[in-house]
Amino acid sequence: KYTRDLPLGIRQRLALGSALLHDPPIVFLDEPTSGVDPKARRGFWDLIHQTAESGKTVFVTTHYMEEAEYCHRISIMRQGKLIAVGSPGDLREKFQEK
């Protein structure tokens, strides 16, 4: 069976495993939980946190703001420009003021 024939959630798990397999110091994950059911999504974030706690730098893109809350630092981009960087709490305060 080809990976393209697998359900999206399984493909996402496979992609995450592939990204971590060679033990890189920096990991880039583009929407790693897209298409993953909510229960599995939490497991993804547990693994992402374990990876970060092991000393690796993990960059994650997401459109889910509740997932951005799991991150230590967030960068917000608009039209290719970086418009804000900070902790989830700091950015929440900054954008609630506006």
PDB file of N, CA and C in Angstrom:
ATOM      1  N   LYS A   1       0.851  -1.181   0.000  1.00  0.00           N
ATOM      2  CA  LYS A   1       0.000   0.000   0.000  1.00  0.00           C
ATOM      3  C   LYS A   1       0.896   1.244   0.000  1.00  0.00           C
ATOM      4  N   TYR A   2       0.534   2.225  -0.789  1.00  0.00           N
ATOM      5  CA  TYR A   2       1.280   3.483  -0.850  1.00  0.00           C
ATOM      6  C   TYR A   2       0.823   4.414   0.264  1.00  0.00           C
ATOM      7  N   THR A   3       1.726   5.284   0.694  1.00  0.00           N
ATOM      8  CA  THR A   3       1.361   6.219   1.759  1.00  0.00           C
ATOM      9  C   THR A   3       0.229   7.140   1.329  1.00  0.00           C
ATOM     10  N   ARG A   4       0.165   7.482   0.048  1.00  0.00           N
ATOM     11  CA  ARG A   4      -0.918   8.370  -0.408  1.00  0.00           C
ATOM     12  C   ARG A   4      -2.291   7.722  -0.256  1.00  0.00           C
ATOM     13  N   ASP A   5      -2.323   6.393  -0.130  1.00  0.00           N
ATOM     14  CA  ASP A   5      -3.586   5.675   0.035  1.00  0.00           C
ATOM     15  C   ASP A   5      -4.025   5.579   1.493  1.00  0.00           C
ATOM     16  N   LEU A   6      -3.159   5.980   2.405  1.00  0.00           N
ATOM     17  CA  LEU A   6      -3.486   5.916   3.829  1.00  0.00           C
ATOM     18  C   LEU A   6      -4.370   7.094   4.226  1.00  0.00           C
ATOM     19  N   PRO A   7      -5.158   6.939   5.299  1.00  0.00           N
ATOM     20  CA  PRO A   7      -5.946   8.076   5.799  1.00  0.00           C
ATOM     21  C   PRO A   7      -5.016   9.224   6.199  1.00  0.00           C
ATOM     22  N   LEU A   8      -5.521  10.449   6.117  1.00  0.00           N
ATOM     23  CA  LEU A   8      -4.717  11.639   6.390  1.00  0.00           C
ATOM     24  C   LEU A   8      -4.073  11.604   7.773  1.00  0.00           C
ATOM     25  N   GLY A   9      -4.812  11.198   8.780  1.00  0.00           N
ATOM     26  CA  GLY A   9      -4.259  11.151  10.133  1.00  0.00           C
ATOM     27  C   GLY A   9      -3.058  10.219  10.235  1.00  0.00           C
ATOM     28  N   ILE A  10      -3.122   9.087   9.559  1.00  0.00           N
ATOM     29  CA  ILE A  10      -2.008   8.132   9.551  1.00  0.00           C
ATOM     30  C   ILE A  10      -0.828   8.725   8.788  1.00  0.00           C
ATOM     31  N   ARG A  11      -1.105   9.401   7.682  1.00  0.00           N
ATOM     32  CA  ARG A  11      -0.019  10.045   6.916  1.00  0.00           C
ATOM     33  C   ARG A  11       0.682  11.109   7.751  1.00  0.00           C
ATOM     34  N   GLN A  12      -0.098  11.852   8.539  1.00  0.00           N
ATOM     35  CA  GLN A  12       0.496  12.877   9.396  1.00  0.00           C
ATOM     36  C   GLN A  12       1.397  12.235  10.457  1.00  0.00           C
ATOM     37  N   ARG A  13       0.950  11.121  11.037  1.00  0.00           N
ATOM     38  CA  ARG A  13       1.778  10.416  12.024  1.00  0.00           C
ATOM     39  C   ARG A  13       3.067   9.920  11.383  1.00  0.00           C
ATOM     40  N   LEU A  14       2.945   9.387  10.185  1.00  0.00           N
ATOM     41  CA  LEU A  14       4.113   8.901   9.453  1.00  0.00           C
ATOM     42  C   LEU A  14       5.086  10.045   9.155  1.00  0.00           C
ATOM     43  N   ALA A  15       4.551  11.193   8.767  1.00  0.00           N
ATOM     44  CA  ALA A  15       5.395  12.359   8.476  1.00  0.00           C
ATOM     45  C   ALA A  15       6.125  12.826   9.738  1.00  0.00           C
ATOM     46  N   LEU A  16       5.438  12.828  10.867  1.00  0.00           N
ATOM     47  CA  LEU A  16       6.068  13.237  12.123  1.00  0.00           C
ATOM     48  C   LEU A  16       7.185  12.267  12.494  1.00  0.00           C
ATOM     49  N   GLY A  17       6.913  10.981  12.381  1.00  0.00           N
ATOM     50  CA  GLY A  17       7.941   9.981  12.661  1.00  0.00           C
ATOM     51  C   GLY A  17       9.140  10.132  11.741  1.00  0.00           C
ATOM     52  N   SER A  18       8.878  10.393  10.473  1.00  0.00           N
ATOM     53  CA  SER A  18       9.961  10.578   9.499  1.00  0.00           C
ATOM     54  C   SER A  18      10.799  11.808   9.830  1.00  0.00           C
ATOM     55  N   ALA A  19      10.141  12.860  10.292  1.00  0.00           N
ATOM     56  CA  ALA A  19      10.857  14.098  10.633  1.00  0.00           C
ATOM     57  C   ALA A  19      11.780  13.893  11.829  1.00  0.00           C
ATOM     58  N   LEU A  20      11.408  12.999  12.732  1.00  0.00           N
ATOM     59  CA  LEU A  20      12.186  12.792  13.954  1.00  0.00           C
ATOM     60  C   LEU A  20      13.167  11.629  13.859  1.00  0.00           C
ATOM     61  N   LEU A  21      13.015  10.796  12.864  1.00  0.00           N
ATOM     62  CA  LEU A  21      13.779   9.549  12.754  1.00  0.00           C
ATOM     63  C   LEU A  21      15.292   9.745  12.776  1.00  0.00           C
ATOM     64  N   HIS A  22      15.790  10.737  12.079  1.00  0.00           N
ATOM     65  CA  HIS A  22      17.239  10.924  11.996  1.00  0.00           C
ATOM     66  C   HIS A  22      17.788  11.852  13.092  1.00  0.00           C
ATOM     67  N   ASP A  23      16.963  12.135  14.117  1.00  0.00           N
ATOM     68  CA  ASP A  23      17.381  12.879  15.305  1.00  0.00           C
ATOM     69  C   ASP A  23      17.983  14.249  14.980  1.00  0.00           C
ATOM     70  N   PRO A  24      17.246  15.091  14.230  1.00  0.00           N
ATOM     71  CA  PRO A  24      17.787  16.407  13.865  1.00  0.00           C
ATOM     72  C   PRO A  24      17.766  17.368  15.057  1.00  0.00           C
ATOM     73  N   PRO A  25      18.662  18.359  15.080  1.00  0.00           N
ATOM     74  CA  PRO A  25      18.654  19.342  16.165  1.00  0.00           C
ATOM     75  C   PRO A  25      17.522  20.364  16.019  1.00  0.00           C
ATOM     76  N   ILE A  26      17.045  20.562  14.793  1.00  0.00           N
ATOM     77  CA  ILE A  26      15.945  21.490  14.509  1.00  0.00           C
ATOM     78  C   ILE A  26      14.903  20.740  13.692  1.00  0.00           C
ATOM     79  N   VAL A  27      13.632  20.908  14.070  1.00  0.00           N
ATOM     80  CA  VAL A  27      12.541  20.217  13.387  1.00  0.00           C
ATOM     81  C   VAL A  27      11.534  21.258  12.913  1.00  0.00           C
ATOM     82  N   PHE A  28      11.158  21.187  11.642  1.00  0.00           N
ATOM     83  CA  PHE A  28      10.124  22.052  11.081  1.00  0.00           C
ATOM     84  C   PHE A  28       8.894  21.199  10.806  1.00  0.00           C
ATOM     85  N   LEU A  29       7.755  21.580  11.373  1.00  0.00           N
ATOM     86  CA  LEU A  29       6.512  20.840  11.195  1.00  0.00           C
ATOM     87  C   LEU A  29       5.448  21.784  10.646  1.00  0.00           C
ATOM     88  N   ASP A  30       4.993  21.507   9.454  1.00  0.00           N
ATOM     89  CA  ASP A  30       3.988  22.342   8.796  1.00  0.00           C
ATOM     90  C   ASP A  30       2.611  21.746   9.025  1.00  0.00           C
ATOM     91  N   GLU A  31       1.835  22.370   9.888  1.00  0.00           N
ATOM     92  CA  GLU A  31       0.482  21.929  10.220  1.00  0.00           C
ATOM     93  C   GLU A  31       0.454  20.436  10.545  1.00  0.00           C
ATOM     94  N   PRO A  32       1.218  20.002  11.551  1.00  0.00           N
ATOM     95  CA  PRO A  32       1.339  18.571  11.822  1.00  0.00           C
ATOM     96  C   PRO A  32       0.050  17.892  12.266  1.00  0.00           C
ATOM     97  N   THR A  33      -0.914  18.646  12.775  1.00  0.00           N
ATOM     98  CA  THR A  33      -2.149  18.021  13.253  1.00  0.00           C
ATOM     99  C   THR A  33      -3.325  18.230  12.313  1.00  0.00           C
ATOM    100  N   SER A  34      -3.066  18.771  11.145  1.00  0.00           N
ATOM    101  CA  SER A  34      -4.136  18.957  10.163  1.00  0.00           C
ATOM    102  C   SER A  34      -4.686  17.588   9.760  1.00  0.00           C
ATOM    103  N   GLY A  35      -5.981  17.422   9.880  1.00  0.00           N
ATOM    104  CA  GLY A  35      -6.618  16.169   9.494  1.00  0.00           C
ATOM    105  C   GLY A  35      -6.538  15.082  10.549  1.00  0.00           C
ATOM    106  N   VAL A  36      -6.058  15.431  11.744  1.00  0.00           N
ATOM    107  CA  VAL A  36      -5.910  14.457  12.826  1.00  0.00           C
ATOM    108  C   VAL A  36      -7.065  14.650  13.803  1.00  0.00           C
ATOM    109  N   ASP A  37      -7.623  13.538  14.304  1.00  0.00           N
ATOM    110  CA  ASP A  37      -8.744  13.654  15.236  1.00  0.00           C
ATOM    111  C   ASP A  37      -8.267  14.297  16.545  1.00  0.00           C
ATOM    112  N   PRO A  38      -9.195  14.906  17.301  1.00  0.00           N
ATOM    113  CA  PRO A  38      -8.814  15.671  18.497  1.00  0.00           C
ATOM    114  C   PRO A  38      -8.001  14.878  19.524  1.00  0.00           C
ATOM    115  N   LYS A  39      -8.323  13.619  19.734  1.00  0.00           N
ATOM    116  CA  LYS A  39      -7.581  12.816  20.710  1.00  0.00           C
ATOM    117  C   LYS A  39      -6.137  12.608  20.250  1.00  0.00           C
ATOM    118  N   ALA A  40      -5.961  12.275  18.984  1.00  0.00           N
ATOM    119  CA  ALA A  40      -4.616  12.078  18.436  1.00  0.00           C
ATOM    120  C   ALA A  40      -3.858  13.403  18.390  1.00  0.00           C
ATOM    121  N   ARG A  41      -4.580  14.500  18.201  1.00  0.00           N
ATOM    122  CA  ARG A  41      -3.951  15.828  18.162  1.00  0.00           C
ATOM    123  C   ARG A  41      -3.215  16.107  19.470  1.00  0.00           C
ATOM    124  N   ARG A  42      -3.833  15.759  20.588  1.00  0.00           N
ATOM    125  CA  ARG A  42      -3.184  15.965  21.888  1.00  0.00           C
ATOM    126  C   ARG A  42      -1.906  15.131  21.974  1.00  0.00           C
ATOM    127  N   GLY A  43      -1.953  13.908  21.465  1.00  0.00           N
ATOM    128  CA  GLY A  43      -0.770  13.048  21.453  1.00  0.00           C
ATOM    129  C   GLY A  43       0.359  13.631  20.624  1.00  0.00           C
ATOM    130  N   PHE A  44       0.003  14.247  19.496  1.00  0.00           N
ATOM    131  CA  PHE A  44       1.009  14.918  18.665  1.00  0.00           C
ATOM    132  C   PHE A  44       1.707  15.999  19.479  1.00  0.00           C
ATOM    133  N   TRP A  45       0.914  16.804  20.186  1.00  0.00           N
ATOM    134  CA  TRP A  45       1.501  17.899  20.951  1.00  0.00           C
ATOM    135  C   TRP A  45       2.332  17.393  22.120  1.00  0.00           C
ATOM    136  N   ASP A  46       1.939  16.271  22.711  1.00  0.00           N
ATOM    137  CA  ASP A  46       2.772  15.677  23.763  1.00  0.00           C
ATOM    138  C   ASP A  46       4.134  15.297  23.194  1.00  0.00           C
ATOM    139  N   LEU A  47       4.142  14.701  22.011  1.00  0.00           N
ATOM    140  CA  LEU A  47       5.402  14.312  21.372  1.00  0.00           C
ATOM    141  C   LEU A  47       6.225  15.540  20.972  1.00  0.00           C
ATOM    142  N   ILE A  48       5.563  16.573  20.497  1.00  0.00           N
ATOM    143  CA  ILE A  48       6.267  17.814  20.139  1.00  0.00           C
ATOM    144  C   ILE A  48       6.935  18.410  21.381  1.00  0.00           C
ATOM    145  N   HIS A  49       6.220  18.411  22.515  1.00  0.00           N
ATOM    146  CA  HIS A  49       6.802  18.928  23.762  1.00  0.00           C
ATOM    147  C   HIS A  49       7.969  18.068  24.229  1.00  0.00           C
ATOM    148  N   GLN A  50       7.837  16.753  24.140  1.00  0.00           N
ATOM    149  CA  GLN A  50       8.950  15.867  24.518  1.00  0.00           C
ATOM    150  C   GLN A  50      10.169  16.153  23.650  1.00  0.00           C
ATOM    151  N   THR A  51       9.925  16.381  22.371  1.00  0.00           N
ATOM    152  CA  THR A  51      11.013  16.677  21.441  1.00  0.00           C
ATOM    153  C   THR A  51      11.707  17.979  21.838  1.00  0.00           C
ATOM    154  N   ALA A  52      10.918  19.000  22.158  1.00  0.00           N
ATOM    155  CA  ALA A  52      11.491  20.288  22.575  1.00  0.00           C
ATOM    156  C   ALA A  52      12.238  20.155  23.902  1.00  0.00           C
ATOM    157  N   GLU A  53      11.671  19.390  24.839  1.00  0.00           N
ATOM    158  CA  GLU A  53      12.313  19.211  26.142  1.00  0.00           C
ATOM    159  C   GLU A  53      13.626  18.442  26.037  1.00  0.00           C
ATOM    160  N   SER A  54      13.802  17.680  24.949  1.00  0.00           N
ATOM    161  CA  SER A  54      15.052  16.934  24.761  1.00  0.00           C
ATOM    162  C   SER A  54      16.166  17.839  24.234  1.00  0.00           C
ATOM    163  N   GLY A  55      15.841  19.136  24.036  1.00  0.00           N
ATOM    164  CA  GLY A  55      16.853  20.095  23.606  1.00  0.00           C
ATOM    165  C   GLY A  55      16.777  20.485  22.141  1.00  0.00           C
ATOM    166  N   LYS A  56      15.817  19.941  21.429  1.00  0.00           N
ATOM    167  CA  LYS A  56      15.664  20.281  20.016  1.00  0.00           C
ATOM    168  C   LYS A  56      14.829  21.554  19.873  1.00  0.00           C
ATOM    169  N   THR A  57      15.069  22.277  18.810  1.00  0.00           N
ATOM    170  CA  THR A  57      14.245  23.429  18.471  1.00  0.00           C
ATOM    171  C   THR A  57      13.163  22.944  17.525  1.00  0.00           C
ATOM    172  N   VAL A  58      11.910  23.254  17.841  1.00  0.00           N
ATOM    173  CA  VAL A  58      10.788  22.798  17.025  1.00  0.00           C
ATOM    174  C   VAL A  58      10.016  24.013  16.529  1.00  0.00           C
ATOM    175  N   PHE A  59       9.918  24.153  15.214  1.00  0.00           N
ATOM    176  CA  PHE A  59       9.098  25.181  14.585  1.00  0.00           C
ATOM    177  C   PHE A  59       7.828  24.512  14.085  1.00  0.00           C
ATOM    178  N   VAL A  60       6.677  25.081  14.440  1.00  0.00           N
ATOM    179  CA  VAL A  60       5.391  24.513  14.035  1.00  0.00           C
ATOM    180  C   VAL A  60       4.558  25.611  13.397  1.00  0.00           C
ATOM    181  N   THR A  61       3.969  25.319  12.245  1.00  0.00           N
ATOM    182  CA  THR A  61       2.978  26.238  11.687  1.00  0.00           C
ATOM    183  C   THR A  61       1.602  25.676  12.003  1.00  0.00           C
ATOM    184  N   THR A  62       0.672  26.553  12.337  1.00  0.00           N
ATOM    185  CA  THR A  62      -0.692  26.118  12.619  1.00  0.00           C
ATOM    186  C   THR A  62      -1.654  27.273  12.380  1.00  0.00           C
ATOM    187  N   HIS A  63      -2.865  26.920  12.011  1.00  0.00           N
ATOM    188  CA  HIS A  63      -3.943  27.901  11.920  1.00  0.00           C
ATOM    189  C   HIS A  63      -4.862  27.787  13.139  1.00  0.00           C
ATOM    190  N   TYR A  64      -4.601  26.790  13.982  1.00  0.00           N
ATOM    191  CA  TYR A  64      -5.416  26.567  15.169  1.00  0.00           C
ATOM    192  C   TYR A  64      -4.839  27.366  16.333  1.00  0.00           C
ATOM    193  N   MET A  65      -5.504  28.433  16.720  1.00  0.00           N
ATOM    194  CA  MET A  65      -4.983  29.283  17.787  1.00  0.00           C
ATOM    195  C   MET A  65      -4.912  28.538  19.122  1.00  0.00           C
ATOM    196  N   GLU A  66      -5.840  27.599  19.354  1.00  0.00           N
ATOM    197  CA  GLU A  66      -5.761  26.837  20.603  1.00  0.00           C
ATOM    198  C   GLU A  66      -4.494  25.980  20.640  1.00  0.00           C
ATOM    199  N   GLU A  67      -3.993  25.578  19.474  1.00  0.00           N
ATOM    200  CA  GLU A  67      -2.739  24.832  19.428  1.00  0.00           C
ATOM    201  C   GLU A  67      -1.546  25.765  19.635  1.00  0.00           C
ATOM    202  N   ALA A  68      -1.641  26.970  19.160  1.00  0.00           N
ATOM    203  CA  ALA A  68      -0.550  27.928  19.359  1.00  0.00           C
ATOM    204  C   ALA A  68      -0.308  28.154  20.853  1.00  0.00           C
ATOM    205  N   GLU A  69      -1.337  27.982  21.655  1.00  0.00           N
ATOM    206  CA  GLU A  69      -1.211  28.136  23.110  1.00  0.00           C
ATOM    207  C   GLU A  69      -0.248  27.113  23.711  1.00  0.00           C
ATOM    208  N   TYR A  70      -0.018  25.994  23.034  1.00  0.00           N
ATOM    209  CA  TYR A  70       0.911  24.970  23.528  1.00  0.00           C
ATOM    210  C   TYR A  70       2.370  25.388  23.363  1.00  0.00           C
ATOM    211  N   CYS A  71       2.620  26.409  22.567  1.00  0.00           N
ATOM    212  CA  CYS A  71       3.992  26.809  22.240  1.00  0.00           C
ATOM    213  C   CYS A  71       4.562  27.752  23.298  1.00  0.00           C
ATOM    214  N   HIS A  72       5.892  27.754  23.403  1.00  0.00           N
ATOM    215  CA  HIS A  72       6.554  28.672  24.334  1.00  0.00           C
ATOM    216  C   HIS A  72       6.600  30.085  23.766  1.00  0.00           C
ATOM    217  N   ARG A  73       6.852  30.169  22.461  1.00  0.00           N
ATOM    218  CA  ARG A  73       6.888  31.464  21.768  1.00  0.00           C
ATOM    219  C   ARG A  73       6.113  31.332  20.474  1.00  0.00           C
ATOM    220  N   ILE A  74       5.462  32.417  20.106  1.00  0.00           N
ATOM    221  CA  ILE A  74       4.653  32.450  18.886  1.00  0.00           C
ATOM    222  C   ILE A  74       5.130  33.608  18.020  1.00  0.00           C
ATOM    223  N   SER A  75       5.164  33.372  16.740  1.00  0.00           N
ATOM    224  CA  SER A  75       5.415  34.441  15.763  1.00  0.00           C
ATOM    225  C   SER A  75       4.173  34.528  14.890  1.00  0.00           C
ATOM    226  N   ILE A  76       3.696  35.722  14.672  1.00  0.00           N
ATOM    227  CA  ILE A  76       2.527  35.929  13.817  1.00  0.00           C
ATOM    228  C   ILE A  76       2.981  36.655  12.565  1.00  0.00           C
ATOM    229  N   MET A  77       2.576  36.102  11.431  1.00  0.00           N
ATOM    230  CA  MET A  77       2.932  36.706  10.145  1.00  0.00           C
ATOM    231  C   MET A  77       1.664  37.137   9.424  1.00  0.00           C
ATOM    232  N   ARG A  78       1.804  38.224   8.684  1.00  0.00           N
ATOM    233  CA  ARG A  78       0.721  38.694   7.819  1.00  0.00           C
ATOM    234  C   ARG A  78       1.355  39.104   6.502  1.00  0.00           C
ATOM    235  N   GLN A  79       0.862  38.548   5.434  1.00  0.00           N
ATOM    236  CA  GLN A  79       1.349  38.849   4.086  1.00  0.00           C
ATOM    237  C   GLN A  79       2.872  38.723   3.998  1.00  0.00           C
ATOM    238  N   GLY A  80       3.398  37.647   4.621  1.00  0.00           N
ATOM    239  CA  GLY A  80       4.826  37.373   4.542  1.00  0.00           C
ATOM    240  C   GLY A  80       5.708  38.197   5.459  1.00  0.00           C
ATOM    241  N   LYS A  81       5.114  39.050   6.274  1.00  0.00           N
ATOM    242  CA  LYS A  81       5.884  39.899   7.188  1.00  0.00           C
ATOM    243  C   LYS A  81       5.609  39.486   8.631  1.00  0.00           C
ATOM    244  N   LEU A  82       6.666  39.441   9.421  1.00  0.00           N
ATOM    245  CA  LEU A  82       6.552  39.135  10.835  1.00  0.00           C
ATOM    246  C   LEU A  82       5.988  40.363  11.548  1.00  0.00           C
ATOM    247  N   ILE A  83       4.828  40.198  12.201  1.00  0.00           N
ATOM    248  CA  ILE A  83       4.203  41.352  12.849  1.00  0.00           C
ATOM    249  C   ILE A  83       4.232  41.278  14.371  1.00  0.00           C
ATOM    250  N   ALA A  84       4.495  40.084  14.929  1.00  0.00           N
ATOM    251  CA  ALA A  84       4.540  39.969  16.387  1.00  0.00           C
ATOM    252  C   ALA A  84       5.268  38.693  16.791  1.00  0.00           C
ATOM    253  N   VAL A  85       5.987  38.783  17.916  1.00  0.00           N
ATOM    254  CA  VAL A  85       6.667  37.627  18.504  1.00  0.00           C
ATOM    255  C   VAL A  85       6.522  37.738  20.013  1.00  0.00           C
ATOM    256  N   GLY A  86       6.188  36.643  20.657  1.00  0.00           N
ATOM    257  CA  GLY A  86       6.089  36.654  22.112  1.00  0.00           C
ATOM    258  C   GLY A  86       5.473  35.382  22.641  1.00  0.00           C
ATOM    259  N   SER A  87       5.264  35.352  23.928  1.00  0.00           N
ATOM    260  CA  SER A  87       4.612  34.196  24.545  1.00  0.00           C
ATOM    261  C   SER A  87       3.123  34.250  24.203  1.00  0.00           C
ATOM    262  N   PRO A  88       2.421  33.123  24.306  1.00  0.00           N
ATOM    263  CA  PRO A  88       0.980  33.161  24.034  1.00  0.00           C
ATOM    264  C   PRO A  88       0.256  34.199  24.889  1.00  0.00           C
ATOM    265  N   GLY A  89       0.603  34.279  26.170  1.00  0.00           N
ATOM    266  CA  GLY A  89      -0.045  35.251  27.054  1.00  0.00           C
ATOM    267  C   GLY A  89       0.232  36.686  26.659  1.00  0.00           C
ATOM    268  N   ASP A  90       1.491  36.973  26.333  1.00  0.00           N
ATOM    269  CA  ASP A  90       1.855  38.335  25.924  1.00  0.00           C
ATOM    270  C   ASP A  90       1.115  38.753  24.660  1.00  0.00           C
ATOM    271  N   LEU A  91       1.057  37.858  23.688  1.00  0.00           N
ATOM    272  CA  LEU A  91       0.394  38.209  22.427  1.00  0.00           C
ATOM    273  C   LEU A  91      -1.116  38.309  22.598  1.00  0.00           C
ATOM    274  N   ARG A  92      -1.680  37.477  23.461  1.00  0.00           N
ATOM    275  CA  ARG A  92      -3.116  37.560  23.720  1.00  0.00           C
ATOM    276  C   ARG A  92      -3.439  38.929  24.295  1.00  0.00           C
ATOM    277  N   GLU A  93      -2.636  39.383  25.259  1.00  0.00           N
ATOM    278  CA  GLU A  93      -2.840  40.713  25.852  1.00  0.00           C
ATOM    279  C   GLU A  93      -2.684  41.809  24.808  1.00  0.00           C
ATOM    280  N   LYS A  94      -1.640  41.706  24.006  1.00  0.00           N
ATOM    281  CA  LYS A  94      -1.360  42.732  23.000  1.00  0.00           C
ATOM    282  C   LYS A  94      -2.513  42.878  22.015  1.00  0.00           C
ATOM    283  N   PHE A  95      -3.051  41.759  21.542  1.00  0.00           N
ATOM    284  CA  PHE A  95      -4.084  41.835  20.515  1.00  0.00           C
ATOM    285  C   PHE A  95      -5.477  42.040  21.088  1.00  0.00           C
ATOM    286  N   GLN A  96      -5.670  41.795  22.375  1.00  0.00           N
ATOM    287  CA  GLN A  96      -6.958  42.102  22.992  1.00  0.00           C
ATOM    288  C   GLN A  96      -7.108  43.593  23.219  1.00  0.00           C
ATOM    289  N   GLU A  97      -5.984  44.295  23.354  1.00  0.00           N
ATOM    290  CA  GLU A  97      -6.016  45.746  23.550  1.00  0.00           C
ATOM    291  C   GLU A  97      -6.504  46.459  22.302  1.00  0.00           C
ATOM    292  N   LYS A  98      -6.280  45.854  21.130  1.00  0.00           N
ATOM    293  CA  LYS A  98      -6.619  46.520  19.864  1.00  0.00           C
ATOM    294  C   LYS A  98      -8.069  46.383  19.526  1.00  0.00           C
TER     295      LYS A  98
END
